[in-house]
Amino acid sequence: MDIWGWVALLISFGIAVLALRRASSVRKEVERLTRNEYYRDGRLREISGESQNTLEIIRIQLAQLAAGKTVAAHLIRSGRLYRDITPEALAQLLDGTSKSKDAVYVLDVRSTKEYAVKHLPMAKSIPLEELENRCDVEISKKTETLVVYCAAGDRSQLACDFLSRRGFTTVHHLRGGLQQWTGETEGMGNVQLIQIQSGSKDHQNTNVGEKLSPL
């Protein structure tokens, strides 16, 4: 191969390297644009969901006002459907509760086992997963103050949102849940199952005993 052949080969090699670099640059740019578009579309979907939720809340509040019900101004401003209540405020409310059955309804949305161990005085148990099927039958929409709680607040927030959209207009979420409650409670407390067996030959036919002892 003469010198011109080598020159042509070097030029071709250089062109190939530049083409590969350009292709790599284009690929990276496409990936960046695709990634940005993905994030942008994701954010757009998120904004769309938030907008739809806000409009739904506004519609619910307008429907309540049209029905002659009172909607707190701070709920309208904050775009919320239910109020918060502190443990201290709830304790005072329970102390001053009237004899009216519609005055206060305290709802525990934890599991039945959790409820059996410990719950607030007057609390009724409707586990979160059963709420949709039981709320209309067991909770009066005439209740003046409907207080919902769970262990720490996550399940009760879901319950408050559901009940508010279901037409209950006096829903209150107990801030901090049972973990922040320092007042009186009811229930069996934590229990431990102890199995007692007699090792004596004189008691070989004695039935196995079981004892529940509070911790």
C-alpha atoms as a PDB file:
ATOM      1  CA  MET A   1       0.000   0.000   0.000  1.00  0.00           C
ATOM      2  CA  ASP A   2       1.385   3.369  -1.034  1.00  0.00           C
ATOM      3  CA  ILE A   3       1.354   6.492   1.096  1.00  0.00           C
ATOM      4  CA  TRP A   4      -1.968   7.641  -0.330  1.00  0.00           C
ATOM      5  CA  GLY A   5      -3.568   4.382   0.672  1.00  0.00           C
ATOM      6  CA  TRP A   6      -2.339   4.865   4.214  1.00  0.00           C
ATOM      7  CA  VAL A   7      -3.630   8.429   4.206  1.00  0.00           C
ATOM      8  CA  ALA A   8      -7.052   7.259   3.013  1.00  0.00           C
ATOM      9  CA  LEU A   9      -7.075   4.543   5.669  1.00  0.00           C
ATOM     10  CA  LEU A  10      -6.212   7.038   8.419  1.00  0.00           C
ATOM     11  CA  ILE A  11      -8.872   9.430   7.211  1.00  0.00           C
ATOM     12  CA  SER A  12     -11.444   6.647   7.162  1.00  0.00           C
ATOM     13  CA  PHE A  13     -10.413   5.575  10.680  1.00  0.00           C
ATOM     14  CA  GLY A  14     -10.691   9.162  11.896  1.00  0.00           C
ATOM     15  CA  ILE A  15     -14.121   9.517  10.358  1.00  0.00           C
ATOM     16  CA  ALA A  16     -15.217   6.262  11.982  1.00  0.00           C
ATOM     17  CA  VAL A  17     -13.992   7.419  15.413  1.00  0.00           C
ATOM     18  CA  LEU A  18     -15.805  10.740  15.032  1.00  0.00           C
ATOM     19  CA  ALA A  19     -18.953   8.924  13.942  1.00  0.00           C
ATOM     20  CA  LEU A  20     -18.790   6.640  16.978  1.00  0.00           C
ATOM     21  CA  ARG A  21     -18.274   9.598  19.296  1.00  0.00           C
ATOM     22  CA  ARG A  22     -21.135  11.425  17.679  1.00  0.00           C
ATOM     23  CA  ALA A  23     -23.366   8.366  17.953  1.00  0.00           C
ATOM     24  CA  SER A  24     -22.463   7.995  21.625  1.00  0.00           C
ATOM     25  CA  SER A  25     -23.204  11.668  22.226  1.00  0.00           C
ATOM     26  CA  VAL A  26     -26.539  11.394  20.448  1.00  0.00           C
ATOM     27  CA  ARG A  27     -27.412   8.249  22.435  1.00  0.00           C
ATOM     28  CA  LYS A  28     -26.646  10.009  25.718  1.00  0.00           C
ATOM     29  CA  GLU A  29     -28.690  13.021  24.669  1.00  0.00           C
ATOM     30  CA  VAL A  30     -31.632  10.786  23.742  1.00  0.00           C
ATOM     31  CA  GLU A  31     -31.369   9.014  27.100  1.00  0.00           C
ATOM     32  CA  ARG A  32     -31.290  12.366  28.898  1.00  0.00           C
ATOM     33  CA  LEU A  33     -34.304  13.660  26.997  1.00  0.00           C
ATOM     34  CA  THR A  34     -36.174  10.404  27.572  1.00  0.00           C
ATOM     35  CA  ARG A  35     -35.383  10.492  31.271  1.00  0.00           C
ATOM     36  CA  ASN A  36     -36.414  14.142  31.542  1.00  0.00           C
ATOM     37  CA  GLU A  37     -39.600  13.400  29.637  1.00  0.00           C
ATOM     38  CA  TYR A  38     -40.311  10.489  31.964  1.00  0.00           C
ATOM     39  CA  TYR A  39     -39.860  12.651  35.039  1.00  0.00           C
ATOM     40  CA  ARG A  40     -41.841  15.460  33.427  1.00  0.00           C
ATOM     41  CA  ASP A  41     -44.701  13.147  32.495  1.00  0.00           C
ATOM     42  CA  GLY A  42     -44.617  11.632  35.972  1.00  0.00           C
ATOM     43  CA  ARG A  43     -44.804  15.074  37.556  1.00  0.00           C
ATOM     44  CA  LEU A  44     -47.608  16.045  35.174  1.00  0.00           C
ATOM     45  CA  ARG A  45     -49.556  12.939  36.206  1.00  0.00           C
ATOM     46  CA  GLU A  46     -48.907  13.800  39.846  1.00  0.00           C
ATOM     47  CA  ILE A  47     -50.114  17.371  39.359  1.00  0.00           C
ATOM     48  CA  SER A  48     -53.152  16.111  37.482  1.00  0.00           C
ATOM     49  CA  GLY A  49     -53.988  13.744  40.336  1.00  0.00           C
ATOM     50  CA  GLU A  50     -53.586  16.518  42.899  1.00  0.00           C
ATOM     51  CA  SER A  51     -55.823  18.822  40.848  1.00  0.00           C
ATOM     52  CA  GLN A  52     -58.524  16.186  40.543  1.00  0.00           C
ATOM     53  CA  ASN A  53     -58.385  15.520  44.281  1.00  0.00           C
ATOM     54  CA  THR A  54     -58.638  19.250  45.039  1.00  0.00           C
ATOM     55  CA  LEU A  55     -61.636  19.617  42.728  1.00  0.00           C
ATOM     56  CA  GLU A  56     -63.273  16.612  44.363  1.00  0.00           C
ATOM     57  CA  ILE A  57     -62.821  18.164  47.811  1.00  0.00           C
ATOM     58  CA  ILE A  58     -64.287  21.463  46.583  1.00  0.00           C
ATOM     59  CA  ARG A  59     -67.295  19.640  45.116  1.00  0.00           C
ATOM     60  CA  ILE A  60     -67.868  17.796  48.397  1.00  0.00           C
ATOM     61  CA  GLN A  61     -67.672  21.024  50.403  1.00  0.00           C
ATOM     62  CA  LEU A  62     -70.016  22.844  48.016  1.00  0.00           C
ATOM     63  CA  ALA A  63     -72.490  19.981  48.255  1.00  0.00           C
ATOM     64  CA  GLN A  64     -72.364  20.192  52.049  1.00  0.00           C
ATOM     65  CA  LEU A  65     -72.982  23.946  51.958  1.00  0.00           C
ATOM     66  CA  ALA A  66     -75.824  23.487  49.487  1.00  0.00           C
ATOM     67  CA  ALA A  67     -77.393  20.974  51.871  1.00  0.00           C
ATOM     68  CA  GLY A  68     -77.342  23.570  54.636  1.00  0.00           C
ATOM     69  CA  LYS A  69     -74.431  22.040  56.538  1.00  0.00           C
ATOM     70  CA  THR A  70     -71.622  24.045  58.079  1.00  0.00           C
ATOM     71  CA  VAL A  71     -68.125  23.781  56.651  1.00  0.00           C
ATOM     72  CA  ALA A  72     -65.318  25.309  58.708  1.00  0.00           C
ATOM     73  CA  ALA A  73     -63.520  28.126  56.915  1.00  0.00           C
ATOM     74  CA  HIS A  74     -60.074  26.701  57.693  1.00  0.00           C
ATOM     75  CA  LEU A  75     -61.043  23.420  56.029  1.00  0.00           C
ATOM     76  CA  ILE A  76     -61.969  25.274  52.853  1.00  0.00           C
ATOM     77  CA  ARG A  77     -58.751  27.291  52.904  1.00  0.00           C
ATOM     78  CA  SER A  78     -56.582  24.229  53.549  1.00  0.00           C
ATOM     79  CA  GLY A  79     -58.462  21.972  51.143  1.00  0.00           C
ATOM     80  CA  ARG A  80     -59.187  19.390  53.834  1.00  0.00           C
ATOM     81  CA  LEU A  81     -62.316  17.421  54.605  1.00  0.00           C
ATOM     82  CA  TYR A  82     -61.764  16.678  58.294  1.00  0.00           C
ATOM     83  CA  ARG A  83     -60.365  18.330  61.398  1.00  0.00           C
ATOM     84  CA  ASP A  84     -57.556  17.315  63.756  1.00  0.00           C
ATOM     85  CA  ILE A  85     -58.108  16.980  67.482  1.00  0.00           C
ATOM     86  CA  THR A  86     -55.407  16.722  70.129  1.00  0.00           C
ATOM     87  CA  PRO A  87     -55.499  14.085  72.881  1.00  0.00           C
ATOM     88  CA  GLU A  88     -55.947  16.865  75.444  1.00  0.00           C
ATOM     89  CA  ALA A  89     -58.924  18.332  73.598  1.00  0.00           C
ATOM     90  CA  LEU A  90     -60.505  14.900  73.223  1.00  0.00           C
ATOM     91  CA  ALA A  91     -60.061  14.193  76.952  1.00  0.00           C
ATOM     92  CA  GLN A  92     -61.895  17.426  77.778  1.00  0.00           C
ATOM     93  CA  LEU A  93     -64.585  16.593  75.231  1.00  0.00           C
ATOM     94  CA  LEU A  94     -65.172  13.155  76.741  1.00  0.00           C
ATOM     95  CA  ASP A  95     -65.308  14.595  80.252  1.00  0.00           C
ATOM     96  CA  GLY A  96     -68.008  17.020  79.213  1.00  0.00           C
ATOM     97  CA  THR A  97     -69.968  14.696  76.953  1.00  0.00           C
ATOM     98  CA  SER A  98     -73.721  15.046  77.248  1.00  0.00           C
ATOM     99  CA  LYS A  99     -76.047  12.084  77.527  1.00  0.00           C
ATOM    100  CA  SER A 100     -77.081  12.475  73.903  1.00  0.00           C
ATOM    101  CA  LYS A 101     -76.158   9.418  71.898  1.00  0.00           C
ATOM    102  CA  ASP A 102     -75.295  11.665  68.954  1.00  0.00           C
ATOM    103  CA  ALA A 103     -72.864  13.873  70.883  1.00  0.00           C
ATOM    104  CA  VAL A 104     -69.566  12.034  70.410  1.00  0.00           C
ATOM    105  CA  TYR A 105     -68.680   8.832  68.581  1.00  0.00           C
ATOM    106  CA  VAL A 106     -65.149   7.551  69.136  1.00  0.00           C
ATOM    107  CA  LEU A 107     -64.096   5.102  66.428  1.00  0.00           C
ATOM    108  CA  ASP A 108     -61.169   2.688  66.700  1.00  0.00           C
ATOM    109  CA  VAL A 109     -60.093   1.449  63.243  1.00  0.00           C
ATOM    110  CA  ARG A 110     -57.373  -0.921  64.438  1.00  0.00           C
ATOM    111  CA  SER A 111     -57.803  -4.692  64.401  1.00  0.00           C
ATOM    112  CA  THR A 112     -60.163  -6.371  66.855  1.00  0.00           C
ATOM    113  CA  LYS A 113     -57.172  -7.907  68.649  1.00  0.00           C
ATOM    114  CA  GLU A 114     -55.562  -4.506  69.153  1.00  0.00           C
ATOM    115  CA  TYR A 115     -58.872  -3.142  70.370  1.00  0.00           C
ATOM    116  CA  ALA A 116     -59.276  -5.982  72.882  1.00  0.00           C
ATOM    117  CA  VAL A 117     -55.873  -5.253  74.415  1.00  0.00           C
ATOM    118  CA  LYS A 118     -56.425  -1.525  74.929  1.00  0.00           C
ATOM    119  CA  HIS A 119     -58.757   1.151  73.649  1.00  0.00           C
ATOM    120  CA  LEU A 120     -60.139   4.555  74.545  1.00  0.00           C
ATOM    121  CA  PRO A 121     -63.193   4.786  76.790  1.00  0.00           C
ATOM    122  CA  MET A 122     -66.454   4.788  74.797  1.00  0.00           C
ATOM    123  CA  ALA A 123     -64.590   3.709  71.645  1.00  0.00           C
ATOM    124  CA  LYS A 124     -66.362   1.451  69.173  1.00  0.00           C
ATOM    125  CA  SER A 125     -64.370  -0.994  67.052  1.00  0.00           C
ATOM    126  CA  ILE A 126     -64.680  -1.064  63.272  1.00  0.00           C
ATOM    127  CA  PRO A 127     -61.427  -2.274  61.668  1.00  0.00           C
ATOM    128  CA  LEU A 128     -60.352  -0.215  58.670  1.00  0.00           C
ATOM    129  CA  GLU A 129     -60.885  -3.064  56.225  1.00  0.00           C
ATOM    130  CA  GLU A 130     -64.522  -3.418  57.406  1.00  0.00           C
ATOM    131  CA  LEU A 131     -65.331   0.286  57.479  1.00  0.00           C
ATOM    132  CA  GLU A 132     -66.916   0.535  54.043  1.00  0.00           C
ATOM    133  CA  ASN A 133     -69.461  -2.195  54.790  1.00  0.00           C
ATOM    134  CA  ARG A 134     -70.289  -1.117  58.349  1.00  0.00           C
ATOM    135  CA  CYS A 135     -70.033   2.668  58.619  1.00  0.00           C
ATOM    136  CA  ASP A 136     -73.471   3.583  57.238  1.00  0.00           C
ATOM    137  CA  VAL A 137     -75.201   1.129  59.554  1.00  0.00           C
ATOM    138  CA  GLU A 138     -73.223   1.659  62.756  1.00  0.00           C
ATOM    139  CA  ILE A 139     -72.369   5.375  62.648  1.00  0.00           C
ATOM    140  CA  SER A 140     -75.031   8.060  62.600  1.00  0.00           C
ATOM    141  CA  LYS A 141     -74.486  11.002  60.287  1.00  0.00           C
ATOM    142  CA  LYS A 142     -76.135  13.091  63.006  1.00  0.00           C
ATOM    143  CA  THR A 143     -73.133  12.556  65.271  1.00  0.00           C
ATOM    144  CA  GLU A 144     -71.942  15.945  66.474  1.00  0.00           C
ATOM    145  CA  THR A 145     -68.280  14.890  66.770  1.00  0.00           C
ATOM    146  CA  LEU A 146     -66.896  11.758  65.130  1.00  0.00           C
ATOM    147  CA  VAL A 147     -63.376  11.038  66.391  1.00  0.00           C
ATOM    148  CA  VAL A 148     -61.287   8.433  64.604  1.00  0.00           C
ATOM    149  CA  TYR A 149     -58.022   6.953  65.864  1.00  0.00           C
ATOM    150  CA  CYS A 150     -55.623   4.050  65.387  1.00  0.00           C
ATOM    151  CA  ALA A 151     -52.210   3.229  66.861  1.00  0.00           C
ATOM    152  CA  ALA A 152     -50.181   6.118  65.434  1.00  0.00           C
ATOM    153  CA  GLY A 153     -52.384   7.891  62.893  1.00  0.00           C
ATOM    154  CA  ASP A 154     -51.829   6.290  59.491  1.00  0.00           C
ATOM    155  CA  ARG A 155     -54.890   4.058  59.330  1.00  0.00           C
ATOM    156  CA  SER A 156     -57.098   6.656  60.960  1.00  0.00           C
ATOM    157  CA  GLN A 157     -56.156   9.263  58.341  1.00  0.00           C
ATOM    158  CA  LEU A 158     -57.307   6.886  55.611  1.00  0.00           C
ATOM    159  CA  ALA A 159     -60.501   6.273  57.560  1.00  0.00           C
ATOM    160  CA  CYS A 160     -61.129  10.010  58.035  1.00  0.00           C
ATOM    161  CA  ASP A 161     -60.694  10.687  54.329  1.00  0.00           C
ATOM    162  CA  PHE A 162     -63.041   7.838  53.433  1.00  0.00           C
ATOM    163  CA  LEU A 163     -65.718   8.842  55.932  1.00  0.00           C
ATOM    164  CA  SER A 164     -65.571  12.489  54.865  1.00  0.00           C
ATOM    165  CA  ARG A 165     -66.129  11.504  51.243  1.00  0.00           C
ATOM    166  CA  ARG A 166     -68.908   9.182  52.366  1.00  0.00           C
ATOM    167  CA  GLY A 167     -70.948  12.084  53.715  1.00  0.00           C
ATOM    168  CA  PHE A 168     -69.846  12.311  57.348  1.00  0.00           C
ATOM    169  CA  THR A 169     -69.241  16.006  57.990  1.00  0.00           C
ATOM    170  CA  THR A 170     -68.032  16.104  61.593  1.00  0.00           C
ATOM    171  CA  VAL A 171     -64.977  13.856  61.320  1.00  0.00           C
ATOM    172  CA  HIS A 172     -62.022  14.506  63.638  1.00  0.00           C
ATOM    173  CA  HIS A 173     -58.651  12.795  63.440  1.00  0.00           C
ATOM    174  CA  LEU A 174     -56.960  12.071  66.787  1.00  0.00           C
ATOM    175  CA  ARG A 175     -53.475  13.484  66.363  1.00  0.00           C
ATOM    176  CA  GLY A 176     -50.796  10.928  67.254  1.00  0.00           C
ATOM    177  CA  GLY A 177     -53.302   8.140  67.788  1.00  0.00           C
ATOM    178  CA  LEU A 178     -53.332   5.902  70.830  1.00  0.00           C
ATOM    179  CA  GLN A 179     -49.566   6.322  71.202  1.00  0.00           C
ATOM    180  CA  GLN A 180     -50.052   9.952  72.258  1.00  0.00           C
ATOM    181  CA  TRP A 181     -53.078   9.306  74.467  1.00  0.00           C
ATOM    182  CA  THR A 182     -52.276   9.682  78.186  1.00  0.00           C
ATOM    183  CA  GLY A 183     -55.787   9.400  79.569  1.00  0.00           C
ATOM    184  CA  GLU A 184     -57.670   6.391  80.817  1.00  0.00           C
ATOM    185  CA  THR A 185     -58.015   3.289  78.667  1.00  0.00           C
ATOM    186  CA  GLU A 186     -60.052   0.107  78.739  1.00  0.00           C
ATOM    187  CA  GLY A 187     -59.299  -3.473  77.701  1.00  0.00           C
ATOM    188  CA  MET A 188     -57.648  -6.615  79.004  1.00  0.00           C
ATOM    189  CA  GLY A 189     -54.092  -5.379  78.618  1.00  0.00           C
ATOM    190  CA  ASN A 190     -51.335  -7.551  77.194  1.00  0.00           C
ATOM    191  CA  VAL A 191     -51.827 -11.191  78.080  1.00  0.00           C
ATOM    192  CA  GLN A 192     -49.566 -14.194  78.198  1.00  0.00           C
ATOM    193  CA  LEU A 193     -50.702 -17.773  77.769  1.00  0.00           C
ATOM    194  CA  ILE A 194     -49.136 -20.064  80.362  1.00  0.00           C
ATOM    195  CA  GLN A 195     -49.517 -23.830  80.048  1.00  0.00           C
ATOM    196  CA  ILE A 196     -49.379 -25.735  83.324  1.00  0.00           C
ATOM    197  CA  GLN A 197     -48.731 -29.470  83.419  1.00  0.00           C
ATOM    198  CA  SER A 198     -48.326 -31.600  86.508  1.00  0.00           C
ATOM    199  CA  GLY A 199     -45.213 -33.754  86.649  1.00  0.00           C
ATOM    200  CA  SER A 200     -46.452 -35.758  89.620  1.00  0.00           C
ATOM    201  CA  LYS A 201     -47.461 -39.368  89.083  1.00  0.00           C
ATOM    202  CA  ASP A 202     -50.452 -38.730  91.326  1.00  0.00           C
ATOM    203  CA  HIS A 203     -51.716 -36.140  88.834  1.00  0.00           C
ATOM    204  CA  GLN A 204     -50.966 -37.822  85.516  1.00  0.00           C
ATOM    205  CA  ASN A 205     -54.630 -37.675  84.577  1.00  0.00           C
ATOM    206  CA  THR A 206     -54.968 -34.025  85.478  1.00  0.00           C
ATOM    207  CA  ASN A 207     -56.062 -31.911  82.488  1.00  0.00           C
ATOM    208  CA  VAL A 208     -53.691 -29.341  81.115  1.00  0.00           C
ATOM    209  CA  GLY A 209     -54.536 -25.930  82.580  1.00  0.00           C
ATOM    210  CA  GLU A 210     -54.382 -22.581  80.870  1.00  0.00           C
ATOM    211  CA  LYS A 211     -54.022 -19.264  82.592  1.00  0.00           C
ATOM    212  CA  LEU A 212     -54.284 -15.748  81.236  1.00  0.00           C
ATOM    213  CA  SER A 213     -52.313 -13.332  83.335  1.00  0.00           C
ATOM    214  CA  PRO A 214     -52.080  -9.608  82.602  1.00  0.00           C
ATOM    215  CA  LEU A 215     -48.589  -8.207  82.197  1.00  0.00           C
END
